[in-house]
Amino acid sequence: MKDAHNLFNQAITYLHQTLGEDLVQEGAWERGAQLPRYIAQTYDIGKARLAGIEVLLMANKDGVQALPALLKQRALIQKEAGVPVIWVGDTLQAYARKEMVARRMPFIIPFKQVYLPPLGVEFQERALATSVDAKEKLHVATQVFLINVLLGNLPDTLNPKEIAAHLDYSLMTMTRIKSELMEHGWLDVGAYKNERIWRLNLQGSALWDAVKPCLQNPVRKRIWLRNPHDKFLQLPLAGLSALAEQTMLGEPQNVVRAIGEMEWRSTQKELIAEQMLPEAIEGALELEVWRYAPWRTQHKQERNDYVDPYSLLLSLEDMNDDRVQIALTEIRIGAK
């Protein structure tokens, strides 16, 4: 699976740079041995998770498979697996791409093309293939950029190279961010075109009001930890705990803290299964796993710092509790 392994790694890098989404490999697909021999001899198949969705990655072991056979065999694999199956290759002819798109068959050609209907994503030749619907949520990388702007964490002159270095993004990701900002009319590149500097058309509260409907809830999932390690107790307060720290709202029954998804993936290995709970129990720590790493807002004590106000608002705005909504109004005023 050497060649397939390289292709899958390239796909991981490409999607992270282009979409800001994480494709995580989870080893070989155990049920691959149950497939007909001719399919097992033709493809390498691996398990993965893409933006929290369980998927399979498949790549040709040798040469290029005829398109009709590829379409049919991928359909058989997907029927057996019950999850989306994404074909990964190093090249794709125009006629084949057209047929795959017509049949809504996901594929990734690292650093060239990607078509992922399960995520509503279609890129071609490193460019956005279809315009972004203004009603759709922004990708994580663009959201991270905008929140950093609102927090004043970026230089006054928005030089893409400096921003990429500050956010640890590639220039390809910056191109994706630029495309989304321009689609929504928030970015003016004409005024500083010669200097290659960005200028946002809105600032402060006006920018927040404009972008807020397009931002995602940062919380991907919640986990409760029994007897958590000290490193979890040093994470920033989030959710109702962060809100209570800044308003008159009472403390929640369980302390809430936030962790970025990348850090969670490495840290959870230190936990035993009995520590992770599917629901709250008394004394357990409620852990929010975020789509991006949370920023800390320093408070009176280092262990009581909390997440940024913009992300906090996004994480709680749909909570159907009058007391919470009143408290959020105080934070909302402070955020502007």
C-alpha atoms as a PDB file:
ATOM      1  CA  MET A   1       0.000   0.000   0.000  1.00  0.00           C
ATOM      2  CA  LYS A   2       3.074   2.204  -0.376  1.00  0.00           C
ATOM      3  CA  ASP A   3       1.907   4.248  -3.373  1.00  0.00           C
ATOM      4  CA  ALA A   4      -1.622   4.556  -1.959  1.00  0.00           C
ATOM      5  CA  HIS A   5      -0.188   5.658   1.386  1.00  0.00           C
ATOM      6  CA  ASN A   6       1.700   8.472  -0.358  1.00  0.00           C
ATOM      7  CA  LEU A   7      -1.417   9.516  -2.270  1.00  0.00           C
ATOM      8  CA  PHE A   8      -3.517   9.538   0.899  1.00  0.00           C
ATOM      9  CA  ASN A   9      -0.907  11.656   2.703  1.00  0.00           C
ATOM     10  CA  GLN A  10      -0.878  14.116  -0.185  1.00  0.00           C
ATOM     11  CA  ALA A  11      -4.684  14.285  -0.024  1.00  0.00           C
ATOM     12  CA  ILE A  12      -4.463  15.083   3.714  1.00  0.00           C
ATOM     13  CA  THR A  13      -2.061  17.960   3.068  1.00  0.00           C
ATOM     14  CA  TYR A  14      -4.088  19.263   0.112  1.00  0.00           C
ATOM     15  CA  LEU A  15      -7.411  19.362   1.945  1.00  0.00           C
ATOM     16  CA  HIS A  16      -5.887  21.009   5.014  1.00  0.00           C
ATOM     17  CA  GLN A  17      -4.206  23.690   2.907  1.00  0.00           C
ATOM     18  CA  THR A  18      -7.159  24.306   0.606  1.00  0.00           C
ATOM     19  CA  LEU A  19     -10.215  23.838   2.815  1.00  0.00           C
ATOM     20  CA  GLY A  20      -8.855  24.037   6.328  1.00  0.00           C
ATOM     21  CA  GLU A  21     -10.496  20.649   6.907  1.00  0.00           C
ATOM     22  CA  ASP A  22      -8.724  17.660   8.430  1.00  0.00           C
ATOM     23  CA  LEU A  23      -8.633  14.277   6.728  1.00  0.00           C
ATOM     24  CA  VAL A  24      -7.484  11.719   9.294  1.00  0.00           C
ATOM     25  CA  GLN A  25      -6.391   8.200   8.311  1.00  0.00           C
ATOM     26  CA  GLU A  26      -7.536   5.397  10.598  1.00  0.00           C
ATOM     27  CA  GLY A  27      -5.735   2.423   9.110  1.00  0.00           C
ATOM     28  CA  ALA A  28      -6.741  -0.295   6.677  1.00  0.00           C
ATOM     29  CA  TRP A  29     -10.379  -1.232   6.156  1.00  0.00           C
ATOM     30  CA  GLU A  30     -10.793  -4.619   7.828  1.00  0.00           C
ATOM     31  CA  ARG A  31     -13.762  -5.684   5.713  1.00  0.00           C
ATOM     32  CA  GLY A  32     -11.763  -5.270   2.517  1.00  0.00           C
ATOM     33  CA  ALA A  33     -10.909  -8.966   2.681  1.00  0.00           C
ATOM     34  CA  GLN A  34     -14.610  -9.762   2.190  1.00  0.00           C
ATOM     35  CA  LEU A  35     -14.717  -8.055  -1.193  1.00  0.00           C
ATOM     36  CA  PRO A  36     -14.462 -10.037  -4.439  1.00  0.00           C
ATOM     37  CA  ARG A  37     -10.854 -10.941  -5.172  1.00  0.00           C
ATOM     38  CA  TYR A  38     -10.678  -8.889  -8.359  1.00  0.00           C
ATOM     39  CA  ILE A  39     -11.605  -5.724  -6.410  1.00  0.00           C
ATOM     40  CA  ALA A  40      -9.140  -6.451  -3.593  1.00  0.00           C
ATOM     41  CA  GLN A  41      -6.398  -6.988  -6.181  1.00  0.00           C
ATOM     42  CA  THR A  42      -7.215  -3.721  -7.963  1.00  0.00           C
ATOM     43  CA  TYR A  43      -7.512  -1.196  -5.113  1.00  0.00           C
ATOM     44  CA  ASP A  44      -5.960  -0.214  -1.807  1.00  0.00           C
ATOM     45  CA  ILE A  45      -8.677   0.859   0.637  1.00  0.00           C
ATOM     46  CA  GLY A  46      -8.234   2.704   3.923  1.00  0.00           C
ATOM     47  CA  LYS A  47     -10.486   4.090   6.637  1.00  0.00           C
ATOM     48  CA  ALA A  48     -10.519   7.827   7.365  1.00  0.00           C
ATOM     49  CA  ARG A  49     -12.554  10.655   8.864  1.00  0.00           C
ATOM     50  CA  LEU A  50     -13.207  13.863   6.957  1.00  0.00           C
ATOM     51  CA  ALA A  51     -14.689  16.777   8.935  1.00  0.00           C
ATOM     52  CA  GLY A  52     -16.091  14.251  11.386  1.00  0.00           C
ATOM     53  CA  ILE A  53     -17.600  12.078   8.642  1.00  0.00           C
ATOM     54  CA  GLU A  54     -16.497   8.443   8.388  1.00  0.00           C
ATOM     55  CA  VAL A  55     -15.263   7.704   4.867  1.00  0.00           C
ATOM     56  CA  LEU A  56     -13.168   5.209   2.919  1.00  0.00           C
ATOM     57  CA  LEU A  57     -10.280   6.200   0.651  1.00  0.00           C
ATOM     58  CA  MET A  58      -9.548   4.039  -2.385  1.00  0.00           C
ATOM     59  CA  ALA A  59      -6.664   4.178  -4.834  1.00  0.00           C
ATOM     60  CA  ASN A  60      -5.628   2.031  -7.788  1.00  0.00           C
ATOM     61  CA  LYS A  61      -2.783  -0.357  -6.992  1.00  0.00           C
ATOM     62  CA  ASP A  62      -1.370  -0.374 -10.500  1.00  0.00           C
ATOM     63  CA  GLY A  63      -2.171   1.683 -13.562  1.00  0.00           C
ATOM     64  CA  VAL A  64      -5.481   3.284 -14.463  1.00  0.00           C
ATOM     65  CA  GLN A  65      -8.759   1.404 -14.265  1.00  0.00           C
ATOM     66  CA  ALA A  66     -11.295   1.811 -17.077  1.00  0.00           C
ATOM     67  CA  LEU A  67     -13.874   4.378 -15.985  1.00  0.00           C
ATOM     68  CA  PRO A  68     -16.988   2.142 -16.267  1.00  0.00           C
ATOM     69  CA  ALA A  69     -15.289  -0.504 -14.104  1.00  0.00           C
ATOM     70  CA  LEU A  70     -14.103   2.103 -11.602  1.00  0.00           C
ATOM     71  CA  LEU A  71     -17.594   3.556 -11.225  1.00  0.00           C
ATOM     72  CA  LYS A  72     -19.187   0.142 -10.791  1.00  0.00           C
ATOM     73  CA  GLN A  73     -16.579  -1.209  -8.380  1.00  0.00           C
ATOM     74  CA  ARG A  74     -16.575   1.900  -6.217  1.00  0.00           C
ATOM     75  CA  ALA A  75     -20.371   1.621  -5.969  1.00  0.00           C
ATOM     76  CA  LEU A  76     -20.013  -1.977  -4.776  1.00  0.00           C
ATOM     77  CA  ILE A  77     -17.471  -0.951  -2.134  1.00  0.00           C
ATOM     78  CA  GLN A  78     -19.703   1.872  -0.906  1.00  0.00           C
ATOM     79  CA  LYS A  79     -22.707  -0.435  -0.703  1.00  0.00           C
ATOM     80  CA  GLU A  80     -20.679  -2.875   1.402  1.00  0.00           C
ATOM     81  CA  ALA A  81     -19.193  -0.168   3.633  1.00  0.00           C
ATOM     82  CA  GLY A  82     -22.277   2.007   4.092  1.00  0.00           C
ATOM     83  CA  VAL A  83     -20.119   5.182   4.120  1.00  0.00           C
ATOM     84  CA  PRO A  84     -18.902   7.559   1.373  1.00  0.00           C
ATOM     85  CA  VAL A  85     -16.003   6.162  -0.662  1.00  0.00           C
ATOM     86  CA  ILE A  86     -13.551   8.720  -2.068  1.00  0.00           C
ATOM     87  CA  TRP A  87     -11.310   7.784  -4.977  1.00  0.00           C
ATOM     88  CA  VAL A  88      -7.800   9.290  -4.795  1.00  0.00           C
ATOM     89  CA  GLY A  89      -5.592   9.449  -7.875  1.00  0.00           C
ATOM     90  CA  ASP A  90      -2.646  11.371  -9.264  1.00  0.00           C
ATOM     91  CA  THR A  91      -4.355  12.397 -12.494  1.00  0.00           C
ATOM     92  CA  LEU A  92      -7.834  12.566 -14.031  1.00  0.00           C
ATOM     93  CA  GLN A  93      -8.844  13.205 -17.619  1.00  0.00           C
ATOM     94  CA  ALA A  94     -11.538  15.778 -18.384  1.00  0.00           C
ATOM     95  CA  TYR A  95     -14.109  13.276 -19.670  1.00  0.00           C
ATOM     96  CA  ALA A  96     -13.685  11.110 -16.566  1.00  0.00           C
ATOM     97  CA  ARG A  97     -14.048  14.094 -14.257  1.00  0.00           C
ATOM     98  CA  LYS A  98     -17.235  15.135 -16.021  1.00  0.00           C
ATOM     99  CA  GLU A  99     -18.737  11.656 -15.655  1.00  0.00           C
ATOM    100  CA  MET A 100     -17.729  11.391 -11.982  1.00  0.00           C
ATOM    101  CA  VAL A 101     -19.301  14.745 -11.173  1.00  0.00           C
ATOM    102  CA  ALA A 102     -22.466  13.764 -13.055  1.00  0.00           C
ATOM    103  CA  ARG A 103     -22.686  10.624 -10.895  1.00  0.00           C
ATOM    104  CA  ARG A 104     -21.704  12.549  -7.716  1.00  0.00           C
ATOM    105  CA  MET A 105     -18.672  10.325  -7.188  1.00  0.00           C
ATOM    106  CA  PRO A 106     -16.227  11.933  -4.714  1.00  0.00           C
ATOM    107  CA  PHE A 107     -12.602  12.185  -5.786  1.00  0.00           C
ATOM    108  CA  ILE A 108      -9.360  13.902  -4.809  1.00  0.00           C
ATOM    109  CA  ILE A 109      -6.455  14.646  -7.135  1.00  0.00           C
ATOM    110  CA  PRO A 110      -3.935  16.090  -4.657  1.00  0.00           C
ATOM    111  CA  PHE A 111      -2.924  19.703  -5.361  1.00  0.00           C
ATOM    112  CA  LYS A 112      -5.109  19.815  -8.485  1.00  0.00           C
ATOM    113  CA  GLN A 113      -8.782  18.936  -8.052  1.00  0.00           C
ATOM    114  CA  VAL A 114     -11.245  17.829  -5.409  1.00  0.00           C
ATOM    115  CA  TYR A 115     -14.937  16.971  -5.581  1.00  0.00           C
ATOM    116  CA  LEU A 116     -16.620  16.069  -2.295  1.00  0.00           C
ATOM    117  CA  PRO A 117     -20.409  16.219  -2.537  1.00  0.00           C
ATOM    118  CA  PRO A 118     -20.804  14.905   1.080  1.00  0.00           C
ATOM    119  CA  LEU A 119     -19.262  18.241   2.165  1.00  0.00           C
ATOM    120  CA  GLY A 120     -20.710  20.351  -0.628  1.00  0.00           C
ATOM    121  CA  VAL A 121     -17.209  21.093  -1.925  1.00  0.00           C
ATOM    122  CA  GLU A 122     -16.036  21.317  -5.511  1.00  0.00           C
ATOM    123  CA  PHE A 123     -12.634  22.738  -6.457  1.00  0.00           C
ATOM    124  CA  GLN A 124     -10.902  22.449  -9.791  1.00  0.00           C
ATOM    125  CA  GLU A 125      -7.331  23.369 -10.726  1.00  0.00           C
ATOM    126  CA  ARG A 126      -6.766  25.047  -7.346  1.00  0.00           C
ATOM    127  CA  ALA A 127      -9.687  27.418  -7.880  1.00  0.00           C
ATOM    128  CA  LEU A 128     -13.236  27.523  -6.665  1.00  0.00           C
ATOM    129  CA  ALA A 129     -15.363  25.797  -9.281  1.00  0.00           C
ATOM    130  CA  THR A 130     -18.683  27.247  -8.190  1.00  0.00           C
ATOM    131  CA  SER A 131     -19.403  30.524  -6.435  1.00  0.00           C
ATOM    132  CA  VAL A 132     -19.933  30.471  -2.709  1.00  0.00           C
ATOM    133  CA  ASP A 133     -23.518  30.933  -1.641  1.00  0.00           C
ATOM    134  CA  ALA A 134     -23.579  33.882   0.744  1.00  0.00           C
ATOM    135  CA  LYS A 135     -25.977  31.947   2.984  1.00  0.00           C
ATOM    136  CA  GLU A 136     -23.542  29.079   3.479  1.00  0.00           C
ATOM    137  CA  LYS A 137     -21.233  28.898   6.453  1.00  0.00           C
ATOM    138  CA  LEU A 138     -17.633  29.930   5.950  1.00  0.00           C
ATOM    139  CA  HIS A 139     -14.871  27.386   6.072  1.00  0.00           C
ATOM    140  CA  VAL A 140     -12.946  27.094   9.308  1.00  0.00           C
ATOM    141  CA  ALA A 141      -9.801  28.798   7.979  1.00  0.00           C
ATOM    142  CA  THR A 142     -11.763  31.905   6.946  1.00  0.00           C
ATOM    143  CA  GLN A 143     -13.555  31.990  10.303  1.00  0.00           C
ATOM    144  CA  VAL A 144     -10.244  31.792  12.160  1.00  0.00           C
ATOM    145  CA  PHE A 145      -8.918  34.689  10.082  1.00  0.00           C
ATOM    146  CA  LEU A 146     -11.970  36.881  10.734  1.00  0.00           C
ATOM    147  CA  ILE A 147     -12.035  36.239  14.480  1.00  0.00           C
ATOM    148  CA  ASN A 148      -8.344  37.096  14.664  1.00  0.00           C
ATOM    149  CA  VAL A 149      -9.118  40.369  12.863  1.00  0.00           C
ATOM    150  CA  LEU A 150     -11.934  41.139  15.311  1.00  0.00           C
ATOM    151  CA  LEU A 151      -9.674  40.345  18.274  1.00  0.00           C
ATOM    152  CA  GLY A 152      -6.947  42.630  16.937  1.00  0.00           C
ATOM    153  CA  ASN A 153      -4.464  39.757  16.698  1.00  0.00           C
ATOM    154  CA  LEU A 154      -3.313  40.543  13.154  1.00  0.00           C
ATOM    155  CA  PRO A 155      -1.148  43.378  11.774  1.00  0.00           C
ATOM    156  CA  ASP A 156      -2.931  46.557  10.702  1.00  0.00           C
ATOM    157  CA  THR A 157      -1.740  46.061   7.123  1.00  0.00           C
ATOM    158  CA  LEU A 158      -3.069  42.684   6.017  1.00  0.00           C
ATOM    159  CA  ASN A 159      -0.195  41.278   4.022  1.00  0.00           C
ATOM    160  CA  PRO A 160      -1.162  37.695   3.034  1.00  0.00           C
ATOM    161  CA  LYS A 161       2.336  36.329   3.696  1.00  0.00           C
ATOM    162  CA  GLU A 162       2.414  37.852   7.183  1.00  0.00           C
ATOM    163  CA  ILE A 163      -1.091  36.563   7.923  1.00  0.00           C
ATOM    164  CA  ALA A 164      -0.153  33.070   6.713  1.00  0.00           C
ATOM    165  CA  ALA A 165       2.875  33.073   9.018  1.00  0.00           C
ATOM    166  CA  HIS A 166       0.823  34.316  11.989  1.00  0.00           C
ATOM    167  CA  LEU A 167      -1.944  31.735  11.507  1.00  0.00           C
ATOM    168  CA  ASP A 168       0.411  28.955  10.372  1.00  0.00           C
ATOM    169  CA  TYR A 169      -1.469  28.678   7.073  1.00  0.00           C
ATOM    170  CA  SER A 170      -0.173  27.992   3.581  1.00  0.00           C
ATOM    171  CA  LEU A 171      -0.484  30.584   0.830  1.00  0.00           C
ATOM    172  CA  MET A 172      -2.977  28.240  -0.867  1.00  0.00           C
ATOM    173  CA  THR A 173      -5.190  28.497   2.205  1.00  0.00           C
ATOM    174  CA  MET A 174      -4.853  32.279   2.046  1.00  0.00           C
ATOM    175  CA  THR A 175      -6.083  32.115  -1.546  1.00  0.00           C
ATOM    176  CA  ARG A 176      -9.141  30.185  -0.357  1.00  0.00           C
ATOM    177  CA  ILE A 177      -9.770  32.767   2.383  1.00  0.00           C
ATOM    178  CA  LYS A 178      -9.423  35.578  -0.152  1.00  0.00           C
ATOM    179  CA  SER A 179     -11.962  33.914  -2.470  1.00  0.00           C
ATOM    180  CA  GLU A 180     -14.562  33.621   0.298  1.00  0.00           C
ATOM    181  CA  LEU A 181     -14.026  37.180   1.510  1.00  0.00           C
ATOM    182  CA  MET A 182     -14.417  38.541  -2.018  1.00  0.00           C
ATOM    183  CA  GLU A 183     -17.509  36.419  -2.720  1.00  0.00           C
ATOM    184  CA  HIS A 184     -19.191  38.086   0.264  1.00  0.00           C
ATOM    185  CA  GLY A 185     -17.943  41.564  -0.665  1.00  0.00           C
ATOM    186  CA  TRP A 186     -15.879  42.024   2.516  1.00  0.00           C
ATOM    187  CA  LEU A 187     -12.471  42.402   0.898  1.00  0.00           C
ATOM    188  CA  ASP A 188     -11.161  45.295  -1.189  1.00  0.00           C
ATOM    189  CA  VAL A 189      -7.965  44.307  -2.946  1.00  0.00           C
ATOM    190  CA  GLY A 190      -8.071  47.046  -5.567  1.00  0.00           C
ATOM    191  CA  ALA A 191      -6.935  49.902  -3.338  1.00  0.00           C
ATOM    192  CA  TYR A 192      -3.653  48.202  -2.504  1.00  0.00           C
ATOM    193  CA  LYS A 193      -3.309  45.975  -5.535  1.00  0.00           C
ATOM    194  CA  ASN A 194       0.260  46.971  -6.357  1.00  0.00           C
ATOM    195  CA  GLU A 195       1.422  46.345  -2.777  1.00  0.00           C
ATOM    196  CA  ARG A 196      -0.491  43.030  -2.561  1.00  0.00           C
ATOM    197  CA  ILE A 197      -2.115  44.116   0.682  1.00  0.00           C
ATOM    198  CA  TRP A 198      -5.672  43.273   1.696  1.00  0.00           C
ATOM    199  CA  ARG A 199      -8.127  45.761   3.141  1.00  0.00           C
ATOM    200  CA  LEU A 200     -11.423  44.710   4.675  1.00  0.00           C
ATOM    201  CA  ASN A 201     -14.365  46.916   3.764  1.00  0.00           C
ATOM    202  CA  LEU A 202     -15.758  46.743   7.303  1.00  0.00           C
ATOM    203  CA  GLN A 203     -14.248  46.961  10.747  1.00  0.00           C
ATOM    204  CA  GLY A 204     -15.241  46.452  14.368  1.00  0.00           C
ATOM    205  CA  SER A 205     -18.930  45.980  15.110  1.00  0.00           C
ATOM    206  CA  ALA A 206     -19.904  46.459  11.452  1.00  0.00           C
ATOM    207  CA  LEU A 207     -17.631  43.593  10.433  1.00  0.00           C
ATOM    208  CA  TRP A 208     -18.977  41.365  13.228  1.00  0.00           C
ATOM    209  CA  ASP A 209     -22.596  42.073  12.240  1.00  0.00           C
ATOM    210  CA  ALA A 210     -21.821  41.249   8.599  1.00  0.00           C
ATOM    211  CA  VAL A 211     -19.900  38.014   9.119  1.00  0.00           C
ATOM    212  CA  LYS A 212     -21.770  36.562  12.098  1.00  0.00           C
ATOM    213  CA  PRO A 213     -24.578  34.846  10.081  1.00  0.00           C
ATOM    214  CA  CYS A 214     -21.906  33.019   8.071  1.00  0.00           C
ATOM    215  CA  LEU A 215     -19.842  31.757  11.006  1.00  0.00           C
ATOM    216  CA  GLN A 216     -20.022  28.208  12.346  1.00  0.00           C
ATOM    217  CA  ASN A 217     -20.603  27.077  15.891  1.00  0.00           C
ATOM    218  CA  PRO A 218     -17.012  26.281  16.924  1.00  0.00           C
ATOM    219  CA  VAL A 219     -18.098  23.241  18.967  1.00  0.00           C
ATOM    220  CA  ARG A 220     -17.818  20.001  17.004  1.00  0.00           C
ATOM    221  CA  LYS A 221     -18.702  17.687  19.907  1.00  0.00           C
ATOM    222  CA  ARG A 222     -18.957  17.495  23.704  1.00  0.00           C
ATOM    223  CA  ILE A 223     -17.331  14.934  25.965  1.00  0.00           C
ATOM    224  CA  TRP A 224     -17.480  14.528  29.736  1.00  0.00           C
ATOM    225  CA  LEU A 225     -14.293  13.494  31.547  1.00  0.00           C
ATOM    226  CA  ARG A 226     -14.196  11.790  34.918  1.00  0.00           C
ATOM    227  CA  ASN A 227     -11.063  12.520  36.996  1.00  0.00           C
ATOM    228  CA  PRO A 228      -9.410  14.513  34.184  1.00  0.00           C
ATOM    229  CA  HIS A 229      -5.652  15.035  34.097  1.00  0.00           C
ATOM    230  CA  ASP A 230      -4.351  18.403  35.261  1.00  0.00           C
ATOM    231  CA  LYS A 231      -3.642  19.526  31.684  1.00  0.00           C
ATOM    232  CA  PHE A 232      -7.404  19.462  30.972  1.00  0.00           C
ATOM    233  CA  LEU A 233      -8.008  21.677  34.024  1.00  0.00           C
ATOM    234  CA  GLN A 234      -5.665  24.263  32.521  1.00  0.00           C
ATOM    235  CA  LEU A 235      -7.711  24.635  29.324  1.00  0.00           C
ATOM    236  CA  PRO A 236      -9.690  27.890  28.925  1.00  0.00           C
ATOM    237  CA  LEU A 237     -13.208  28.055  30.314  1.00  0.00           C
ATOM    238  CA  ALA A 238     -15.916  27.806  27.669  1.00  0.00           C
ATOM    239  CA  GLY A 239     -19.693  27.582  27.341  1.00  0.00           C
ATOM    240  CA  LEU A 240     -21.741  28.408  30.428  1.00  0.00           C
ATOM    241  CA  SER A 241     -18.635  28.463  32.638  1.00  0.00           C
ATOM    242  CA  ALA A 242     -17.054  31.227  30.546  1.00  0.00           C
ATOM    243  CA  LEU A 243     -20.352  33.108  30.441  1.00  0.00           C
ATOM    244  CA  ALA A 244     -20.808  32.847  34.217  1.00  0.00           C
ATOM    245  CA  GLU A 245     -17.248  34.114  34.742  1.00  0.00           C
ATOM    246  CA  GLN A 246     -18.098  37.368  32.944  1.00  0.00           C
ATOM    247  CA  THR A 247     -21.741  37.968  33.943  1.00  0.00           C
ATOM    248  CA  MET A 248     -24.184  37.447  36.788  1.00  0.00           C
ATOM    249  CA  LEU A 249     -25.208  34.044  35.428  1.00  0.00           C
ATOM    250  CA  GLY A 250     -24.864  31.242  37.989  1.00  0.00           C
ATOM    251  CA  GLU A 251     -22.160  28.622  37.606  1.00  0.00           C
ATOM    252  CA  PRO A 252     -23.212  25.481  35.685  1.00  0.00           C
ATOM    253  CA  GLN A 253     -23.292  22.110  37.413  1.00  0.00           C
ATOM    254  CA  ASN A 254     -20.301  20.912  35.405  1.00  0.00           C
ATOM    255  CA  VAL A 255     -17.286  23.088  34.608  1.00  0.00           C
ATOM    256  CA  VAL A 256     -16.926  23.599  30.839  1.00  0.00           C
ATOM    257  CA  ARG A 257     -13.561  23.941  29.069  1.00  0.00           C
ATOM    258  CA  ALA A 258     -12.564  23.981  25.390  1.00  0.00           C
ATOM    259  CA  ILE A 259      -9.862  22.215  23.405  1.00  0.00           C
ATOM    260  CA  GLY A 260      -8.987  22.362  19.705  1.00  0.00           C
ATOM    261  CA  GLU A 261      -9.676  19.249  17.658  1.00  0.00           C
ATOM    262  CA  MET A 262      -6.016  18.735  16.726  1.00  0.00           C
ATOM    263  CA  GLU A 263      -4.884  18.931  20.356  1.00  0.00           C
ATOM    264  CA  TRP A 264      -7.727  16.626  21.412  1.00  0.00           C
ATOM    265  CA  ARG A 265      -6.645  13.945  18.970  1.00  0.00           C
ATOM    266  CA  SER A 266      -3.197  13.797  20.508  1.00  0.00           C
ATOM    267  CA  THR A 267      -4.290  14.268  24.125  1.00  0.00           C
ATOM    268  CA  GLN A 268      -7.117  11.723  24.236  1.00  0.00           C
ATOM    269  CA  LYS A 269      -4.582   8.937  23.866  1.00  0.00           C
ATOM    270  CA  GLU A 270      -3.574   9.601  27.466  1.00  0.00           C
ATOM    271  CA  LEU A 271      -7.084   8.826  28.719  1.00  0.00           C
ATOM    272  CA  ILE A 272      -8.530   5.446  29.574  1.00  0.00           C
ATOM    273  CA  ALA A 273     -11.953   4.466  28.260  1.00  0.00           C
ATOM    274  CA  GLU A 274     -13.586   4.720  31.694  1.00  0.00           C
ATOM    275  CA  GLN A 275     -12.712   8.424  31.903  1.00  0.00           C
ATOM    276  CA  MET A 276     -14.700   9.430  28.802  1.00  0.00           C
ATOM    277  CA  LEU A 277     -18.445   9.638  29.369  1.00  0.00           C
ATOM    278  CA  PRO A 278     -21.289  10.145  26.855  1.00  0.00           C
ATOM    279  CA  GLU A 279     -23.280  12.337  29.258  1.00  0.00           C
ATOM    280  CA  ALA A 280     -22.807  14.495  32.331  1.00  0.00           C
ATOM    281  CA  ILE A 281     -22.376  13.112  35.820  1.00  0.00           C
ATOM    282  CA  GLU A 282     -21.673  15.071  38.983  1.00  0.00           C
ATOM    283  CA  GLY A 283     -18.082  16.265  39.177  1.00  0.00           C
ATOM    284  CA  ALA A 284     -17.213  15.452  35.560  1.00  0.00           C
ATOM    285  CA  LEU A 285     -15.523  18.033  33.336  1.00  0.00           C
ATOM    286  CA  GLU A 286     -17.534  19.012  30.260  1.00  0.00           C
ATOM    287  CA  LEU A 287     -15.084  19.279  27.387  1.00  0.00           C
ATOM    288  CA  GLU A 288     -15.984  21.074  24.170  1.00  0.00           C
ATOM    289  CA  VAL A 289     -13.935  19.875  21.204  1.00  0.00           C
ATOM    290  CA  TRP A 290     -13.633  22.854  18.872  1.00  0.00           C
ATOM    291  CA  ARG A 291     -13.117  23.008  15.119  1.00  0.00           C
ATOM    292  CA  TYR A 292     -10.165  25.306  15.768  1.00  0.00           C
ATOM    293  CA  ALA A 293      -7.859  25.969  18.703  1.00  0.00           C
ATOM    294  CA  PRO A 294      -9.552  28.369  21.172  1.00  0.00           C
ATOM    295  CA  TRP A 295      -7.901  31.653  22.087  1.00  0.00           C
ATOM    296  CA  ARG A 296      -7.547  32.613  25.733  1.00  0.00           C
ATOM    297  CA  THR A 297      -8.870  35.831  27.274  1.00  0.00           C
ATOM    298  CA  GLN A 298      -6.794  36.430  30.385  1.00  0.00           C
ATOM    299  CA  HIS A 299      -8.760  36.803  33.616  1.00  0.00           C
ATOM    300  CA  LYS A 300      -7.925  37.276  37.305  1.00  0.00           C
ATOM    301  CA  GLN A 301      -6.294  33.863  37.630  1.00  0.00           C
ATOM    302  CA  GLU A 302      -4.427  31.890  34.996  1.00  0.00           C
ATOM    303  CA  ARG A 303      -6.608  28.810  35.499  1.00  0.00           C
ATOM    304  CA  ASN A 304      -9.753  30.897  35.024  1.00  0.00           C
ATOM    305  CA  ASP A 305      -9.053  32.428  31.622  1.00  0.00           C
ATOM    306  CA  TYR A 306     -11.774  31.879  29.042  1.00  0.00           C
ATOM    307  CA  VAL A 307     -12.384  31.649  25.323  1.00  0.00           C
ATOM    308  CA  ASP A 308     -12.769  34.682  23.082  1.00  0.00           C
ATOM    309  CA  PRO A 309     -16.150  36.481  23.183  1.00  0.00           C
ATOM    310  CA  TYR A 310     -16.994  35.947  19.500  1.00  0.00           C
ATOM    311  CA  SER A 311     -16.578  32.180  19.609  1.00  0.00           C
ATOM    312  CA  LEU A 312     -18.399  32.073  22.950  1.00  0.00           C
ATOM    313  CA  LEU A 313     -21.397  33.845  21.436  1.00  0.00           C
ATOM    314  CA  LEU A 314     -21.437  31.449  18.493  1.00  0.00           C
ATOM    315  CA  SER A 315     -21.316  28.430  20.788  1.00  0.00           C
ATOM    316  CA  LEU A 316     -24.276  29.535  22.937  1.00  0.00           C
ATOM    317  CA  GLU A 317     -26.533  31.636  20.707  1.00  0.00           C
ATOM    318  CA  ASP A 318     -28.930  28.753  19.951  1.00  0.00           C
ATOM    319  CA  MET A 319     -29.408  27.788  23.618  1.00  0.00           C
ATOM    320  CA  ASN A 320     -33.091  28.148  24.521  1.00  0.00           C
ATOM    321  CA  ASP A 321     -32.695  29.718  27.950  1.00  0.00           C
ATOM    322  CA  ASP A 322     -33.758  33.309  28.695  1.00  0.00           C
ATOM    323  CA  ARG A 323     -31.131  33.697  31.413  1.00  0.00           C
ATOM    324  CA  VAL A 324     -28.394  32.647  29.022  1.00  0.00           C
ATOM    325  CA  GLN A 325     -29.626  34.977  26.284  1.00  0.00           C
ATOM    326  CA  ILE A 326     -29.727  37.932  28.705  1.00  0.00           C
ATOM    327  CA  ALA A 327     -26.169  37.165  29.811  1.00  0.00           C
ATOM    328  CA  LEU A 328     -25.073  36.879  26.165  1.00  0.00           C
ATOM    329  CA  THR A 329     -26.400  40.387  25.589  1.00  0.00           C
ATOM    330  CA  GLU A 330     -23.808  41.649  28.082  1.00  0.00           C
ATOM    331  CA  ILE A 331     -21.053  39.769  26.259  1.00  0.00           C
ATOM    332  CA  ARG A 332     -22.356  40.938  22.890  1.00  0.00           C
ATOM    333  CA  ILE A 333     -22.099  44.562  24.008  1.00  0.00           C
ATOM    334  CA  GLY A 334     -18.583  43.948  25.262  1.00  0.00           C
ATOM    335  CA  ALA A 335     -17.589  42.244  22.011  1.00  0.00           C
ATOM    336  CA  LYS A 336     -18.453  45.332  20.008  1.00  0.00           C
END
